[in-house]
C-alpha atoms as a PDB file:
ATOM      1  CA  MET A   1       1.541 -10.741  -4.648  1.00  0.00           C
ATOM      2  CA  ASP A   2       2.651 -12.526  -7.755  1.00  0.00           C
ATOM      3  CA  LYS A   3       2.659 -11.323 -11.346  1.00  0.00           C
ATOM      4  CA  THR A   4      -0.528 -13.173 -12.294  1.00  0.00           C
ATOM      5  CA  GLU A   5      -2.498 -11.322  -9.611  1.00  0.00           C
ATOM      6  CA  ILE A   6      -1.127  -7.953 -10.733  1.00  0.00           C
ATOM      7  CA  ASP A   7      -1.923  -8.848 -14.348  1.00  0.00           C
ATOM      8  CA  ARG A   8      -5.461  -9.724 -13.251  1.00  0.00           C
ATOM      9  CA  ILE A   9      -5.855  -6.328 -11.515  1.00  0.00           C
ATOM     10  CA  ASN A  10      -4.725  -4.596 -14.707  1.00  0.00           C
ATOM     11  CA  PHE A  11      -7.020  -6.714 -16.876  1.00  0.00           C
ATOM     12  CA  LEU A  12     -10.029  -5.920 -14.704  1.00  0.00           C
ATOM     13  CA  ALA A  13      -9.186  -2.207 -14.756  1.00  0.00           C
ATOM     14  CA  ARG A  14      -9.032  -2.199 -18.568  1.00  0.00           C
ATOM     15  CA  LYS A  15     -12.254  -4.198 -18.805  1.00  0.00           C
ATOM     16  CA  LYS A  16     -14.016  -1.826 -16.404  1.00  0.00           C
ATOM     17  CA  LYS A  17     -13.144   1.132 -18.649  1.00  0.00           C
ATOM     18  CA  ALA A  18     -14.069  -0.678 -21.863  1.00  0.00           C
ATOM     19  CA  GLU A  19     -17.275  -2.531 -21.042  1.00  0.00           C
ATOM     20  CA  GLY A  20     -17.884  -2.644 -17.313  1.00  0.00           C
ATOM     21  CA  LEU A  21     -17.602  -5.431 -14.767  1.00  0.00           C
ATOM     22  CA  THR A  22     -20.017  -7.952 -13.348  1.00  0.00           C
ATOM     23  CA  ASN A  23     -20.716  -7.928  -9.616  1.00  0.00           C
ATOM     24  CA  GLU A  24     -18.403 -10.910  -9.169  1.00  0.00           C
ATOM     25  CA  GLU A  25     -15.588  -9.202 -11.095  1.00  0.00           C
ATOM     26  CA  THR A  26     -16.062  -5.996  -9.102  1.00  0.00           C
ATOM     27  CA  ARG A  27     -15.727  -7.952  -5.857  1.00  0.00           C
ATOM     28  CA  GLU A  28     -12.647  -9.783  -7.184  1.00  0.00           C
ATOM     29  CA  GLN A  29     -11.080  -6.469  -8.242  1.00  0.00           C
ATOM     30  CA  TRP A  30     -11.727  -4.960  -4.798  1.00  0.00           C
ATOM     31  CA  GLU A  31     -10.223  -7.994  -3.012  1.00  0.00           C
ATOM     32  CA  LEU A  32      -7.123  -7.983  -5.228  1.00  0.00           C
ATOM     33  CA  ARG A  33      -6.629  -4.254  -4.688  1.00  0.00           C
ATOM     34  CA  GLN A  34      -6.961  -4.648  -0.926  1.00  0.00           C
ATOM     35  CA  LYS A  35      -4.358  -7.420  -0.956  1.00  0.00           C
ATOM     36  CA  TYR A  36      -2.023  -5.287  -3.099  1.00  0.00           C
ATOM     37  CA  LEU A  37      -2.412  -2.264  -0.807  1.00  0.00           C
ATOM     38  CA  LYS A  38      -1.789  -4.343   2.326  1.00  0.00           C
ATOM     39  CA  GLU A  39       1.412  -5.787   0.882  1.00  0.00           C
ATOM     40  CA  PHE A  40       2.532  -2.344  -0.301  1.00  0.00           C
ATOM     41  CA  ARG A  41       1.924  -0.789   3.125  1.00  0.00           C
ATOM     42  CA  ASP A  42       3.662  -3.674   4.910  1.00  0.00           C
ATOM     43  CA  SER A  43       6.677  -3.302   2.630  1.00  0.00           C
ATOM     44  CA  LEU A  44       6.829   0.459   3.156  1.00  0.00           C
ATOM     45  CA  GLN A  45       6.534   0.037   6.939  1.00  0.00           C
ATOM     46  CA  GLY A  46       9.376  -2.486   6.856  1.00  0.00           C
ATOM     47  CA  THR A  47      11.543   0.010   5.003  1.00  0.00           C
ATOM     48  CA  LEU A  48      10.691   2.845   7.383  1.00  0.00           C
ATOM     49  CA  ASP A  49      11.455   0.606  10.375  1.00  0.00           C
ATOM     50  CA  ARG A  50      15.068   0.436   9.158  1.00  0.00           C
ATOM     51  CA  VAL A  51      15.542   4.199   8.711  1.00  0.00           C
ATOM     52  CA  TYR A  52      17.754   6.169  11.065  1.00  0.00           C
ATOM     53  CA  VAL A  53      18.155   9.967  11.051  1.00  0.00           C
ATOM     54  CA  GLN A  54      21.524  11.549  11.743  1.00  0.00           C
ATOM     55  CA  GLN A  55      21.353  14.108  14.554  1.00  0.00           C
ATOM     56  CA  GLU A  56      23.346  17.349  14.700  1.00  0.00           C
ATOM     57  CA  ASP A  57      25.840  15.780  17.116  1.00  0.00           C
ATOM     58  CA  GLY A  58      26.549  12.974  14.624  1.00  0.00           C
ATOM     59  CA  SER A  59      24.585  10.269  16.415  1.00  0.00           C
ATOM     60  CA  TYR A  60      21.780   8.332  14.773  1.00  0.00           C
ATOM     61  CA  LYS A  61      18.216   8.107  16.024  1.00  0.00           C
ATOM     62  CA  LYS A  62      15.612   5.648  14.830  1.00  0.00           C
ATOM     63  CA  LEU A  63      12.849   7.247  12.794  1.00  0.00           C
ATOM     64  CA  GLU A  64       9.724   7.601  14.940  1.00  0.00           C
ATOM     65  CA  LYS A  65       6.108   7.869  13.985  1.00  0.00           C
ATOM     66  CA  LYS A  66       4.819  11.424  14.221  1.00  0.00           C
ATOM     67  CA  LYS A  67       2.605  12.037  17.213  1.00  0.00           C
ATOM     68  CA  THR A  68      -0.801  13.542  16.382  1.00  0.00           C
ATOM     69  CA  ALA A  69      -3.108  15.618  18.540  1.00  0.00           C
ATOM     70  CA  PRO A  70      -6.040  13.663  20.074  1.00  0.00           C
ATOM     71  CA  ASN A  71      -8.630  15.712  18.173  1.00  0.00           C
ATOM     72  CA  ALA A  72      -6.746  15.736  14.843  1.00  0.00           C
ATOM     73  CA  LYS A  73      -8.478  14.184  11.873  1.00  0.00           C
END
């Protein structure tokens, strides 16, 4: 996401607080936020994929996703 898109998100947020948005602007804001969140999550996942945890014996183990119970929400 480039700087102009982030600036547009910020502009729409300020405008929403000041005077409100049109339906088209609301849709644009939602789409830009979704794109920002996707890129943020992808970047964070990439970072976590490169994390290793040192074990008590001195070896390193790749960080694993926590397993959840089947009925957990």
